[in-house]
Amino acid sequence: MQSQARTTAMPDDAAELRAKFFHGLAHPVRLLIVLQLLDGEKNVGALMQLLGLKQAHVSNHLACLRWCGFVTARQEGRNVYYTVTDPRVREILRLGQAVVADNAERIAACTRM
C-alpha cells in the first residue's frame, strides 16, 4: 500500500514533459530572446546588441531554445537567422503576461521558487 502512495505522488511522464516545456522559457535570457524573436527573425549579432550580452551567452541559450523546438534557424551565407518555430508561443506568452499582471505582487513576494 505504501509503494502505491509513492507512485501516485510521482509526476507522470506527461507532467514532466509539460514542466520541461515551461522550464525552457523559465530562464530570463531565454525568455528575452524569444520575446525579441516574436518581432521577427534575428541573428546572434542583433540579439547581442539588443540584449547587451556576449555572443557565447546568446548562442548557448539559442542552442537550448533550438533543441527544445522553440526556435528554428536558417543559414544565409555566414549568418544564421533565428525565428520562433510555433506561432502559439506568442499566445502562451501573452496569456502568461496577463496572469503575471494580475498577480505581480504575489509572484514577486514568492519565496518558494
Protein backbone atom coordinates (compact mmCIF):
# COMPACT_ATOMS: atom_id res chain seq x y z
CA MET A 1 0.00 0.00 0.00
CA GLN A 2 2.84 2.37 0.86
CA SER A 3 4.54 1.87 -2.53
CA GLN A 4 1.29 2.78 -4.27
CA ALA A 5 1.14 6.13 -2.42
CA ARG A 6 4.69 6.89 -3.51
CA THR A 7 3.87 6.02 -7.10
CA THR A 8 0.86 8.34 -7.25
CA ALA A 9 2.91 11.18 -5.76
CA MET A 10 5.48 10.94 -8.55
CA PRO A 11 4.72 13.09 -11.62
CA ASP A 12 3.77 11.17 -14.71
CA ASP A 13 5.73 11.43 -17.95
CA ALA A 14 3.27 13.91 -19.46
CA ALA A 15 3.54 16.23 -16.46
CA GLU A 16 7.33 16.07 -16.58
CA LEU A 17 7.29 16.85 -20.29
CA ARG A 18 5.00 19.87 -19.77
CA ALA A 19 7.17 21.10 -16.91
CA LYS A 20 10.24 20.77 -19.13
CA PHE A 21 8.47 22.83 -21.82
CA PHE A 22 7.92 25.69 -19.37
CA HIS A 23 11.42 25.29 -17.98
CA GLY A 24 12.69 26.13 -21.46
CA LEU A 25 11.19 29.60 -21.06
CA ALA A 26 12.00 29.91 -17.35
CA HIS A 27 15.44 31.48 -17.76
CA PRO A 28 15.21 35.28 -18.15
CA VAL A 29 17.68 35.35 -21.06
CA ARG A 30 15.83 32.65 -22.98
CA LEU A 31 12.54 34.44 -22.39
CA LEU A 32 14.02 37.75 -23.60
CA ILE A 33 15.41 36.05 -26.70
CA VAL A 34 12.01 34.56 -27.55
CA LEU A 35 10.32 37.91 -26.97
CA GLN A 36 12.80 39.58 -29.34
CA LEU A 37 12.24 36.89 -31.96
CA LEU A 38 8.49 37.40 -31.83
CA ASP A 39 9.18 40.73 -33.56
CA GLY A 40 10.90 38.91 -36.43
CA GLU A 41 13.93 36.80 -37.21
CA LYS A 42 17.30 37.91 -35.92
CA ASN A 43 20.86 36.69 -35.94
CA VAL A 44 23.12 36.32 -32.92
CA GLY A 45 24.74 39.72 -33.52
CA ALA A 46 21.39 41.51 -33.45
CA LEU A 47 20.36 39.67 -30.29
CA MET A 48 23.70 40.51 -28.65
CA GLN A 49 23.15 44.18 -29.38
CA LEU A 50 19.52 44.21 -28.25
CA LEU A 51 20.18 42.32 -25.02
CA GLY A 52 23.67 43.61 -24.22
CA LEU A 53 25.05 40.09 -23.86
CA LYS A 54 28.14 38.29 -25.13
CA GLN A 55 28.00 36.03 -28.18
CA ALA A 56 28.67 32.84 -26.22
CA HIS A 57 25.86 33.60 -23.77
CA VAL A 58 23.31 34.28 -26.52
CA SER A 59 24.45 31.28 -28.58
CA ASN A 60 24.20 28.93 -25.59
CA HIS A 61 20.61 29.96 -24.88
CA LEU A 62 19.69 29.80 -28.57
CA ALA A 63 21.03 26.24 -28.67
CA CYS A 64 18.73 25.32 -25.78
CA LEU A 65 15.74 27.00 -27.41
CA ARG A 66 16.51 25.30 -30.70
CA TRP A 67 16.99 21.88 -29.12
CA CYS A 68 13.58 22.13 -27.41
CA GLY A 69 11.84 23.33 -30.56
CA PHE A 70 11.07 26.92 -29.55
CA VAL A 71 13.17 28.41 -32.34
CA THR A 72 14.42 27.35 -35.76
CA ALA A 73 17.46 28.53 -37.63
CA ARG A 74 18.21 29.21 -41.26
CA GLN A 75 21.61 29.95 -42.68
CA GLU A 76 22.23 32.71 -45.17
CA GLY A 77 25.88 32.88 -46.11
CA ARG A 78 27.85 33.18 -42.89
CA ASN A 79 24.86 34.36 -40.88
CA VAL A 80 22.33 32.20 -39.06
CA TYR A 81 18.91 33.72 -38.50
CA TYR A 82 16.58 32.54 -35.76
CA THR A 83 12.82 32.70 -35.58
CA VAL A 84 10.10 31.39 -33.26
CA THR A 85 9.03 27.97 -34.52
CA ASP A 86 5.39 27.90 -33.47
CA PRO A 87 3.05 30.92 -33.50
CA ARG A 88 1.27 29.51 -30.44
CA VAL A 89 4.28 30.54 -28.36
CA ARG A 90 3.13 34.16 -28.78
CA GLU A 91 -0.25 33.27 -27.29
CA ILE A 92 1.31 31.35 -24.41
CA LEU A 93 3.48 34.37 -23.57
CA ARG A 94 0.52 36.75 -23.90
CA LEU A 95 -1.54 34.65 -21.50
CA GLY A 96 1.40 34.38 -19.10
CA GLN A 97 1.86 38.15 -19.15
CA ALA A 98 -1.82 38.62 -18.27
CA VAL A 99 -1.57 36.21 -15.33
CA VAL A 100 1.62 37.93 -14.13
CA ALA A 101 -0.05 41.34 -14.37
CA ASP A 102 -2.92 40.11 -12.21
CA ASN A 103 -0.60 38.54 -9.63
CA ALA A 104 2.61 40.60 -9.83
CA GLU A 105 2.87 41.43 -6.12
CA ARG A 106 2.26 37.85 -5.05
CA ILE A 107 4.71 36.46 -7.61
CA ALA A 108 7.38 38.99 -6.60
CA ALA A 109 6.93 38.09 -2.94
CA CYS A 110 7.04 34.33 -3.54
CA THR A 111 9.90 32.67 -1.67
CA ARG A 112 9.10 29.12 -2.82
CA MET A 113 10.60 29.47 -6.33
